[in-house]
């Protein structure tokens, strides 16, 4: 990978982090890590490719990315985000991230922004433990041994192959239906209600 390409991919990740932080309240690193991972999985399901090139490992509190940790520190050093320490409802000390909105410009394509808005809307009012539970229930995490890297590239390929199999089955079913029609192997219905009654009886 060229240095320019590497820097470009890091900028995408920084912009994703800034978007999460700028549009979420009470965002801790643990919560941010899980939301980023969920966005990765959802993006793969929808578009058949990685959301970013972030690496995750199976960690004691679910998935964890040292890439995200490093880039959060970089954003803090650059003055684009600042940590605020507060006590949680349970009395624990926690670090929350805040962005300096007036000083940042977020550059992401419409696909990423659309997905991020959906993720934030869906999970913003869930407690962190529920987000962790949701993320842990994904196949890539469940099939990765503790301490090992989660193979999201392999998951992209798996999803593609599954989609291809479904497409092949659909094409086969269409061809079979056409053959049945030509051979007269079909049922005629006199009305829509007759058709619905047929489906109800299946």
C-alpha atoms as a PDB file:
ATOM      1  CA  UNK A   1       0.000   0.000   0.000  1.00  0.00           C
ATOM      2  CA  UNK A   2       1.397   3.408  -0.954  1.00  0.00           C
ATOM      3  CA  UNK A   3       1.904   6.047   1.725  1.00  0.00           C
ATOM      4  CA  UNK A   4      -0.695   8.319   0.093  1.00  0.00           C
ATOM      5  CA  UNK A   5      -3.261   5.509  -0.004  1.00  0.00           C
ATOM      6  CA  UNK A   6      -2.570   4.675   3.655  1.00  0.00           C
ATOM      7  CA  UNK A   7      -2.987   8.320   4.676  1.00  0.00           C
ATOM      8  CA  UNK A   8      -6.206   8.552   2.649  1.00  0.00           C
ATOM      9  CA  UNK A   9      -7.696   5.511   4.419  1.00  0.00           C
ATOM     10  CA  UNK A  10      -6.708   6.946   7.791  1.00  0.00           C
ATOM     11  CA  UNK A  11      -8.507  10.178   6.915  1.00  0.00           C
ATOM     12  CA  UNK A  12     -11.691   8.230   6.134  1.00  0.00           C
ATOM     13  CA  UNK A  13     -11.519   6.550   9.548  1.00  0.00           C
ATOM     14  CA  UNK A  14     -10.881   9.886  11.280  1.00  0.00           C
ATOM     15  CA  UNK A  15     -13.900  11.381   9.537  1.00  0.00           C
ATOM     16  CA  UNK A  16     -16.073   8.443  10.606  1.00  0.00           C
ATOM     17  CA  UNK A  17     -14.919   8.876  14.212  1.00  0.00           C
ATOM     18  CA  UNK A  18     -15.574  12.626  14.070  1.00  0.00           C
ATOM     19  CA  UNK A  19     -19.050  12.008  12.651  1.00  0.00           C
ATOM     20  CA  UNK A  20     -19.914   9.604  15.474  1.00  0.00           C
ATOM     21  CA  UNK A  21     -18.553  11.968  18.127  1.00  0.00           C
ATOM     22  CA  UNK A  22     -20.163  15.086  16.653  1.00  0.00           C
ATOM     23  CA  UNK A  23     -23.594  13.475  16.387  1.00  0.00           C
ATOM     24  CA  UNK A  24     -23.747  11.393  19.574  1.00  0.00           C
ATOM     25  CA  UNK A  25     -24.067  12.220  23.257  1.00  0.00           C
ATOM     26  CA  UNK A  26     -22.278  10.427  26.090  1.00  0.00           C
ATOM     27  CA  UNK A  27     -19.954   8.567  23.759  1.00  0.00           C
ATOM     28  CA  UNK A  28     -17.235   6.576  25.524  1.00  0.00           C
ATOM     29  CA  UNK A  29     -14.451   4.758  23.702  1.00  0.00           C
ATOM     30  CA  UNK A  30     -16.027   1.378  24.496  1.00  0.00           C
ATOM     31  CA  UNK A  31     -19.349   2.479  23.040  1.00  0.00           C
ATOM     32  CA  UNK A  32     -17.676   4.068  19.997  1.00  0.00           C
ATOM     33  CA  UNK A  33     -15.664   0.916  19.267  1.00  0.00           C
ATOM     34  CA  UNK A  34     -18.831  -1.211  19.214  1.00  0.00           C
ATOM     35  CA  UNK A  35     -20.802   1.238  17.068  1.00  0.00           C
ATOM     36  CA  UNK A  36     -17.963   1.408  14.541  1.00  0.00           C
ATOM     37  CA  UNK A  37     -17.884  -2.395  14.366  1.00  0.00           C
ATOM     38  CA  UNK A  38     -21.669  -2.582  13.895  1.00  0.00           C
ATOM     39  CA  UNK A  39     -21.366  -0.038  11.071  1.00  0.00           C
ATOM     40  CA  UNK A  40     -18.726  -2.289   9.447  1.00  0.00           C
ATOM     41  CA  UNK A  41     -21.037  -5.305   9.564  1.00  0.00           C
ATOM     42  CA  UNK A  42     -24.075  -3.412   8.284  1.00  0.00           C
ATOM     43  CA  UNK A  43     -22.054  -1.841   5.449  1.00  0.00           C
ATOM     44  CA  UNK A  44     -20.843  -5.289   4.354  1.00  0.00           C
ATOM     45  CA  UNK A  45     -24.418  -6.595   4.349  1.00  0.00           C
ATOM     46  CA  UNK A  46     -25.674  -3.699   2.234  1.00  0.00           C
ATOM     47  CA  UNK A  47     -22.836  -2.968  -0.152  1.00  0.00           C
ATOM     48  CA  UNK A  48     -20.627  -6.073  -0.168  1.00  0.00           C
ATOM     49  CA  UNK A  49     -17.457  -4.224   0.815  1.00  0.00           C
ATOM     50  CA  UNK A  50     -15.610  -2.933   3.852  1.00  0.00           C
ATOM     51  CA  UNK A  51     -16.733   0.276   5.539  1.00  0.00           C
ATOM     52  CA  UNK A  52     -13.078   1.055   6.333  1.00  0.00           C
ATOM     53  CA  UNK A  53      -9.790  -0.796   6.747  1.00  0.00           C
ATOM     54  CA  UNK A  54      -9.969  -0.875  10.562  1.00  0.00           C
ATOM     55  CA  UNK A  55      -8.790  -4.101  12.220  1.00  0.00           C
ATOM     56  CA  UNK A  56     -10.720  -5.561  15.159  1.00  0.00           C
ATOM     57  CA  UNK A  57      -9.756  -8.337  17.570  1.00  0.00           C
ATOM     58  CA  UNK A  58     -11.908 -10.490  19.841  1.00  0.00           C
ATOM     59  CA  UNK A  59     -11.345  -8.761  23.189  1.00  0.00           C
ATOM     60  CA  UNK A  60     -12.581  -9.221  26.764  1.00  0.00           C
ATOM     61  CA  UNK A  61     -15.358  -6.626  26.311  1.00  0.00           C
ATOM     62  CA  UNK A  62     -16.198  -7.699  22.776  1.00  0.00           C
ATOM     63  CA  UNK A  63     -14.456  -6.426  19.683  1.00  0.00           C
ATOM     64  CA  UNK A  64     -11.642  -3.891  20.026  1.00  0.00           C
ATOM     65  CA  UNK A  65      -9.544  -1.937  17.536  1.00  0.00           C
ATOM     66  CA  UNK A  66      -6.101  -0.541  18.291  1.00  0.00           C
ATOM     67  CA  UNK A  67      -6.445   1.413  15.017  1.00  0.00           C
ATOM     68  CA  UNK A  68      -9.394   3.320  16.476  1.00  0.00           C
ATOM     69  CA  UNK A  69      -7.577   3.915  19.756  1.00  0.00           C
ATOM     70  CA  UNK A  70      -4.538   5.296  17.916  1.00  0.00           C
ATOM     71  CA  UNK A  71      -6.623   7.600  15.694  1.00  0.00           C
ATOM     72  CA  UNK A  72      -8.664   8.869  18.658  1.00  0.00           C
ATOM     73  CA  UNK A  73      -5.375   9.845  20.319  1.00  0.00           C
ATOM     74  CA  UNK A  74      -4.312  11.527  17.068  1.00  0.00           C
ATOM     75  CA  UNK A  75      -7.557  13.510  16.852  1.00  0.00           C
ATOM     76  CA  UNK A  76      -7.097  14.578  20.462  1.00  0.00           C
ATOM     77  CA  UNK A  77      -3.501  15.649  19.799  1.00  0.00           C
ATOM     78  CA  UNK A  78      -4.719  17.624  16.766  1.00  0.00           C
ATOM     79  CA  UNK A  79      -7.244  19.451  18.961  1.00  0.00           C
ATOM     80  CA  UNK A  80     -10.291  18.147  17.066  1.00  0.00           C
ATOM     81  CA  UNK A  81     -11.775  16.224  19.990  1.00  0.00           C
ATOM     82  CA  UNK A  82     -11.456  16.526  23.747  1.00  0.00           C
ATOM     83  CA  UNK A  83     -12.103  13.979  26.501  1.00  0.00           C
ATOM     84  CA  UNK A  84     -14.417  14.910  29.381  1.00  0.00           C
ATOM     85  CA  UNK A  85     -14.376  12.842  32.561  1.00  0.00           C
ATOM     86  CA  UNK A  86     -17.697  12.315  34.330  1.00  0.00           C
ATOM     87  CA  UNK A  87     -19.316   9.817  36.630  1.00  0.00           C
ATOM     88  CA  UNK A  88     -21.867   7.424  35.180  1.00  0.00           C
ATOM     89  CA  UNK A  89     -25.284   6.742  36.732  1.00  0.00           C
ATOM     90  CA  UNK A  90     -23.669   3.738  38.441  1.00  0.00           C
ATOM     91  CA  UNK A  91     -20.981   5.886  40.002  1.00  0.00           C
ATOM     92  CA  UNK A  92     -18.102   4.833  37.725  1.00  0.00           C
ATOM     93  CA  UNK A  93     -15.606   7.305  36.304  1.00  0.00           C
ATOM     94  CA  UNK A  94     -15.907   7.415  32.512  1.00  0.00           C
ATOM     95  CA  UNK A  95     -14.276   9.335  29.681  1.00  0.00           C
ATOM     96  CA  UNK A  96     -16.633  10.865  27.130  1.00  0.00           C
ATOM     97  CA  UNK A  97     -15.570  12.392  23.811  1.00  0.00           C
ATOM     98  CA  UNK A  98     -16.651  15.794  22.535  1.00  0.00           C
ATOM     99  CA  UNK A  99     -15.787  17.340  19.189  1.00  0.00           C
ATOM    100  CA  UNK A 100     -14.966  20.967  18.498  1.00  0.00           C
ATOM    101  CA  UNK A 101     -17.672  21.309  15.858  1.00  0.00           C
ATOM    102  CA  UNK A 102     -16.732  24.780  14.679  1.00  0.00           C
ATOM    103  CA  UNK A 103     -13.193  23.689  13.881  1.00  0.00           C
ATOM    104  CA  UNK A 104     -13.843  20.493  11.921  1.00  0.00           C
ATOM    105  CA  UNK A 105     -15.073  19.634   8.441  1.00  0.00           C
ATOM    106  CA  UNK A 106     -16.290  16.066   7.914  1.00  0.00           C
ATOM    107  CA  UNK A 107     -15.764  14.631   4.435  1.00  0.00           C
ATOM    108  CA  UNK A 108     -17.603  11.358   3.808  1.00  0.00           C
ATOM    109  CA  UNK A 109     -19.648  10.048   0.885  1.00  0.00           C
ATOM    110  CA  UNK A 110     -23.443   9.803   1.020  1.00  0.00           C
ATOM    111  CA  UNK A 111     -23.434   6.019   1.546  1.00  0.00           C
ATOM    112  CA  UNK A 112     -21.316   6.289   4.683  1.00  0.00           C
ATOM    113  CA  UNK A 113     -23.200   9.293   6.070  1.00  0.00           C
ATOM    114  CA  UNK A 114     -26.573   7.611   5.472  1.00  0.00           C
ATOM    115  CA  UNK A 115     -25.482   4.463   7.274  1.00  0.00           C
ATOM    116  CA  UNK A 116     -23.908   6.370  10.171  1.00  0.00           C
ATOM    117  CA  UNK A 117     -27.096   8.359  10.712  1.00  0.00           C
ATOM    118  CA  UNK A 118     -29.095   5.111  10.841  1.00  0.00           C
ATOM    119  CA  UNK A 119     -26.668   3.509  13.306  1.00  0.00           C
ATOM    120  CA  UNK A 120     -26.741   6.558  15.588  1.00  0.00           C
ATOM    121  CA  UNK A 121     -30.556   6.758  15.467  1.00  0.00           C
ATOM    122  CA  UNK A 122     -30.975   3.042  16.198  1.00  0.00           C
ATOM    123  CA  UNK A 123     -28.479   2.712  19.049  1.00  0.00           C
ATOM    124  CA  UNK A 124     -28.250   6.145  20.665  1.00  0.00           C
ATOM    125  CA  UNK A 125     -30.743   5.351  23.444  1.00  0.00           C
ATOM    126  CA  UNK A 126     -29.531   1.810  24.161  1.00  0.00           C
ATOM    127  CA  UNK A 127     -27.302   1.203  27.152  1.00  0.00           C
ATOM    128  CA  UNK A 128     -23.746   0.154  26.331  1.00  0.00           C
ATOM    129  CA  UNK A 129     -24.263  -3.436  27.487  1.00  0.00           C
ATOM    130  CA  UNK A 130     -27.111  -3.874  24.987  1.00  0.00           C
ATOM    131  CA  UNK A 131     -24.912  -2.524  22.189  1.00  0.00           C
ATOM    132  CA  UNK A 132     -22.142  -4.931  23.198  1.00  0.00           C
ATOM    133  CA  UNK A 133     -24.616  -7.835  23.234  1.00  0.00           C
ATOM    134  CA  UNK A 134     -25.863  -6.898  19.752  1.00  0.00           C
ATOM    135  CA  UNK A 135     -22.307  -6.663  18.379  1.00  0.00           C
ATOM    136  CA  UNK A 136     -21.220  -9.941  20.006  1.00  0.00           C
ATOM    137  CA  UNK A 137     -24.127 -11.734  18.348  1.00  0.00           C
ATOM    138  CA  UNK A 138     -22.661 -11.172  14.863  1.00  0.00           C
ATOM    139  CA  UNK A 139     -21.186 -14.144  13.042  1.00  0.00           C
ATOM    140  CA  UNK A 140     -17.650 -12.727  12.505  1.00  0.00           C
ATOM    141  CA  UNK A 141     -17.244 -12.132  16.239  1.00  0.00           C
ATOM    142  CA  UNK A 142     -18.773 -15.454  17.329  1.00  0.00           C
ATOM    143  CA  UNK A 143     -16.501 -17.433  14.992  1.00  0.00           C
ATOM    144  CA  UNK A 144     -13.283 -15.665  16.053  1.00  0.00           C
ATOM    145  CA  UNK A 145     -11.216 -17.117  18.925  1.00  0.00           C
ATOM    146  CA  UNK A 146     -10.373 -14.822  21.835  1.00  0.00           C
ATOM    147  CA  UNK A 147      -7.402 -12.560  21.129  1.00  0.00           C
ATOM    148  CA  UNK A 148      -7.505 -13.191  17.371  1.00  0.00           C
ATOM    149  CA  UNK A 149      -8.187 -10.751  14.540  1.00  0.00           C
ATOM    150  CA  UNK A 150     -11.772 -10.727  13.244  1.00  0.00           C
ATOM    151  CA  UNK A 151     -11.634 -11.585   9.546  1.00  0.00           C
ATOM    152  CA  UNK A 152     -13.979  -9.007   8.038  1.00  0.00           C
ATOM    153  CA  UNK A 153     -12.463  -9.424   4.557  1.00  0.00           C
ATOM    154  CA  UNK A 154     -13.382 -13.107   4.750  1.00  0.00           C
ATOM    155  CA  UNK A 155     -16.871 -12.124   5.840  1.00  0.00           C
ATOM    156  CA  UNK A 156     -17.238  -9.898   2.772  1.00  0.00           C
ATOM    157  CA  UNK A 157     -16.389 -12.887   0.579  1.00  0.00           C
ATOM    158  CA  UNK A 158     -18.759 -15.155   2.515  1.00  0.00           C
ATOM    159  CA  UNK A 159     -21.640 -12.703   2.124  1.00  0.00           C
ATOM    160  CA  UNK A 160     -20.875 -12.377  -1.593  1.00  0.00           C
ATOM    161  CA  UNK A 161     -20.892 -16.156  -2.080  1.00  0.00           C
ATOM    162  CA  UNK A 162     -24.165 -16.490  -0.163  1.00  0.00           C
ATOM    163  CA  UNK A 163     -25.712 -13.780  -2.316  1.00  0.00           C
ATOM    164  CA  UNK A 164     -24.434 -15.496  -5.465  1.00  0.00           C
ATOM    165  CA  UNK A 165     -25.990 -18.804  -4.367  1.00  0.00           C
ATOM    166  CA  UNK A 166     -29.343 -17.092  -3.794  1.00  0.00           C
ATOM    167  CA  UNK A 167     -29.141 -15.451  -7.210  1.00  0.00           C
ATOM    168  CA  UNK A 168     -28.375 -18.801  -8.870  1.00  0.00           C
ATOM    169  CA  UNK A 169     -31.329 -20.447  -7.084  1.00  0.00           C
ATOM    170  CA  UNK A 170     -33.608 -17.594  -8.163  1.00  0.00           C
ATOM    171  CA  UNK A 171     -32.503 -17.963 -11.801  1.00  0.00           C
ATOM    172  CA  UNK A 172     -33.032 -21.736 -11.613  1.00  0.00           C
ATOM    173  CA  UNK A 173     -36.519 -21.281 -10.140  1.00  0.00           C
ATOM    174  CA  UNK A 174     -37.437 -18.841 -12.918  1.00  0.00           C
ATOM    175  CA  UNK A 175     -36.184 -21.244 -15.600  1.00  0.00           C
ATOM    176  CA  UNK A 176     -38.046 -24.171 -13.983  1.00  0.00           C
ATOM    177  CA  UNK A 177     -41.234 -22.088 -13.822  1.00  0.00           C
ATOM    178  CA  UNK A 178     -40.916 -21.188 -17.492  1.00  0.00           C
ATOM    179  CA  UNK A 179     -40.493 -24.852 -18.410  1.00  0.00           C
ATOM    180  CA  UNK A 180     -43.543 -25.789 -16.297  1.00  0.00           C
ATOM    181  CA  UNK A 181     -45.581 -23.077 -17.996  1.00  0.00           C
ATOM    182  CA  UNK A 182     -44.629 -24.264 -21.482  1.00  0.00           C
ATOM    183  CA  UNK A 183     -45.497 -27.849 -20.556  1.00  0.00           C
ATOM    184  CA  UNK A 184     -48.842 -26.798 -19.095  1.00  0.00           C
ATOM    185  CA  UNK A 185     -47.885 -27.692 -15.532  1.00  0.00           C
ATOM    186  CA  UNK A 186     -49.612 -24.792 -13.794  1.00  0.00           C
ATOM    187  CA  UNK A 187     -52.877 -23.944 -12.096  1.00  0.00           C
ATOM    188  CA  UNK A 188     -55.253 -21.329 -13.450  1.00  0.00           C
ATOM    189  CA  UNK A 189     -57.285 -19.162 -11.096  1.00  0.00           C
ATOM    190  CA  UNK A 190     -60.521 -17.438 -12.081  1.00  0.00           C
ATOM    191  CA  UNK A 191     -60.107 -14.578  -9.636  1.00  0.00           C
ATOM    192  CA  UNK A 192     -57.747 -12.939  -7.180  1.00  0.00           C
ATOM    193  CA  UNK A 193     -59.760 -14.315  -4.253  1.00  0.00           C
ATOM    194  CA  UNK A 194     -59.310 -17.867  -5.609  1.00  0.00           C
ATOM    195  CA  UNK A 195     -55.564 -17.272  -5.735  1.00  0.00           C
ATOM    196  CA  UNK A 196     -55.518 -16.004  -2.148  1.00  0.00           C
ATOM    197  CA  UNK A 197     -57.524 -19.007  -0.969  1.00  0.00           C
ATOM    198  CA  UNK A 198     -54.969 -21.236  -2.674  1.00  0.00           C
ATOM    199  CA  UNK A 199     -52.107 -19.522  -0.801  1.00  0.00           C
ATOM    200  CA  UNK A 200     -53.995 -19.781   2.509  1.00  0.00           C
ATOM    201  CA  UNK A 201     -54.260 -23.509   2.004  1.00  0.00           C
ATOM    202  CA  UNK A 202     -50.551 -24.051   1.381  1.00  0.00           C
END
